[in-house]
Amino acid sequence: MYHRVMPQLSNRTRRARKLRRDATEAETLLWNLLRRQMLNGHKFRRQHPIGPYVADLACPGARFVIEIDGGQHAEQRVADEQRTQELMARGWVVIRFWNHDVLTNPEGVMQEIERVVG
């Protein structure tokens, strides 16, 4: 009998999959907008592993990361800034939005993303 051997998943991949399943309302809303519109031909991925991090949304072709921050991020600004600096050192452009902004002004958020991605 033939048994298919499944490849071993890395911890980052398992974590990214869990984060996709547990996405916030703001992450889901922005993901749905981005995957429908494919800004200027750029394809986005959600919960995309980059080094030791998992970006909320990323466009690998443009090396562009979108982070969507909830209330807990107000208390972890130093860690968020360090993460942003490390991603930038790897050649990624990082932009952050608050959950509230995504939920109450999705058009404005999309306009800002379009401006940055070009």
Protein backbone atom coordinates (compact mmCIF):
# COMPACT_ATOMS: atom_id res chain seq x y z
CA MET A 1 0.00 0.00 0.00
CA TYR A 2 1.23 3.50 -0.87
CA HIS A 3 1.24 6.12 1.89
CA ARG A 4 1.72 9.73 1.03
CA VAL A 5 4.31 11.41 3.21
CA MET A 6 3.29 14.93 4.18
CA PRO A 7 6.10 17.48 4.37
CA GLN A 8 6.94 18.77 7.82
CA LEU A 9 5.67 22.33 8.30
CA SER A 10 7.88 24.92 9.93
CA ASN A 11 6.75 26.65 13.10
CA ARG A 12 6.42 29.91 11.11
CA THR A 13 4.11 28.25 8.58
CA ARG A 14 1.96 26.72 11.32
CA ARG A 15 1.80 30.09 13.09
CA ALA A 16 0.86 31.90 9.85
CA ARG A 17 -1.94 29.41 9.20
CA LYS A 18 -3.29 29.89 12.72
CA LEU A 19 -3.18 33.67 12.33
CA ARG A 20 -5.13 33.38 9.04
CA ARG A 21 -7.83 31.36 10.80
CA ASP A 22 -7.95 33.84 13.71
CA ALA A 23 -7.85 37.06 11.65
CA THR A 24 -9.39 40.20 13.11
CA GLU A 25 -12.38 41.86 11.47
CA ALA A 26 -10.11 44.66 10.18
CA GLU A 27 -7.60 42.18 8.69
CA THR A 28 -10.40 40.27 6.97
CA LEU A 29 -11.97 43.45 5.56
CA LEU A 30 -8.69 44.79 4.18
CA TRP A 31 -7.71 41.36 2.80
CA ASN A 32 -11.02 41.11 0.94
CA LEU A 33 -10.52 44.57 -0.56
CA LEU A 34 -6.92 43.88 -1.60
CA ARG A 35 -7.48 40.46 -3.12
CA ARG A 36 -10.36 41.75 -5.23
CA GLN A 37 -8.59 44.84 -6.52
CA MET A 38 -4.98 43.66 -7.07
CA LEU A 39 -3.55 47.17 -6.99
CA ASN A 40 -1.61 47.91 -10.18
CA GLY A 41 -1.10 44.18 -10.73
CA HIS A 42 0.44 43.65 -7.28
CA LYS A 43 -0.62 40.44 -5.55
CA PHE A 44 -0.99 40.45 -1.77
CA ARG A 45 -0.68 37.60 0.70
CA ARG A 46 -2.04 37.50 4.21
CA GLN A 47 -0.10 36.37 7.26
CA HIS A 48 3.06 36.10 5.18
CA PRO A 49 6.23 34.84 6.94
CA ILE A 50 9.25 37.15 6.56
CA GLY A 51 12.29 36.07 8.53
CA PRO A 52 11.23 35.58 12.15
CA TYR A 53 8.05 37.64 11.63
CA VAL A 54 4.61 37.05 10.14
CA ALA A 55 3.30 40.16 8.34
CA ASP A 56 -0.46 40.79 8.45
CA LEU A 57 -0.50 41.51 4.71
CA ALA A 58 2.42 41.53 2.29
CA CYS A 59 3.08 42.12 -1.38
CA PRO A 60 6.29 40.15 -2.05
CA GLY A 61 6.64 41.56 -5.58
CA ALA A 62 6.83 45.12 -4.27
CA ARG A 63 8.43 44.14 -0.94
CA PHE A 64 5.59 45.95 0.83
CA VAL A 65 4.12 45.07 4.26
CA ILE A 66 0.83 46.26 5.77
CA GLU A 67 0.42 45.89 9.52
CA ILE A 68 -3.01 46.32 11.09
CA ASP A 69 -2.75 47.21 14.76
CA GLY A 70 -5.36 46.69 17.45
CA GLY A 71 -5.53 48.27 20.87
CA GLN A 72 -2.80 46.02 22.32
CA HIS A 73 -0.27 47.69 20.02
CA ALA A 74 -0.56 50.96 21.94
CA GLU A 75 1.30 49.21 24.76
CA GLN A 76 3.92 47.56 22.56
CA ARG A 77 5.07 50.48 20.44
CA VAL A 78 8.75 49.82 21.10
CA ALA A 79 8.46 46.20 19.92
CA ASP A 80 6.44 47.29 16.86
CA GLU A 81 9.04 49.91 15.98
CA GLN A 82 11.83 47.36 16.31
CA ARG A 83 9.92 44.94 14.08
CA THR A 84 9.34 47.70 11.51
CA GLN A 85 13.04 48.62 11.53
CA GLU A 86 14.09 44.98 11.08
CA LEU A 87 11.68 44.49 8.16
CA MET A 88 12.95 47.71 6.57
CA ALA A 89 16.54 46.49 7.01
CA ARG A 90 15.50 43.41 4.99
CA GLY A 91 14.35 45.72 2.19
CA TRP A 92 10.61 45.88 2.94
CA VAL A 93 8.48 49.04 3.03
CA VAL A 94 6.18 48.92 6.07
CA ILE A 95 2.95 50.84 6.61
CA ARG A 96 0.71 50.57 9.69
CA PHE A 97 -3.00 51.23 10.19
CA TRP A 98 -5.15 51.02 13.29
CA ASN A 99 -8.05 48.53 13.24
CA HIS A 100 -10.43 51.45 13.79
CA ASP A 101 -9.17 53.24 10.66
CA VAL A 102 -9.59 50.14 8.50
CA LEU A 103 -13.11 49.54 9.80
CA THR A 104 -14.36 53.14 9.64
CA ASN A 105 -12.46 54.43 6.59
CA PRO A 106 -11.55 51.52 4.29
CA GLU A 107 -11.57 53.78 1.21
CA GLY A 108 -9.01 56.11 2.78
CA VAL A 109 -6.83 53.16 3.81
CA MET A 110 -6.96 51.76 0.26
CA GLN A 111 -6.02 55.18 -1.16
CA GLU A 112 -2.99 55.35 1.13
CA ILE A 113 -1.93 51.83 0.15
CA GLU A 114 -2.27 52.72 -3.54
CA ARG A 115 -0.19 55.86 -2.97
CA VAL A 116 2.61 53.91 -1.29
CA VAL A 117 2.62 50.91 -3.64
CA GLY A 118 2.47 53.21 -6.65
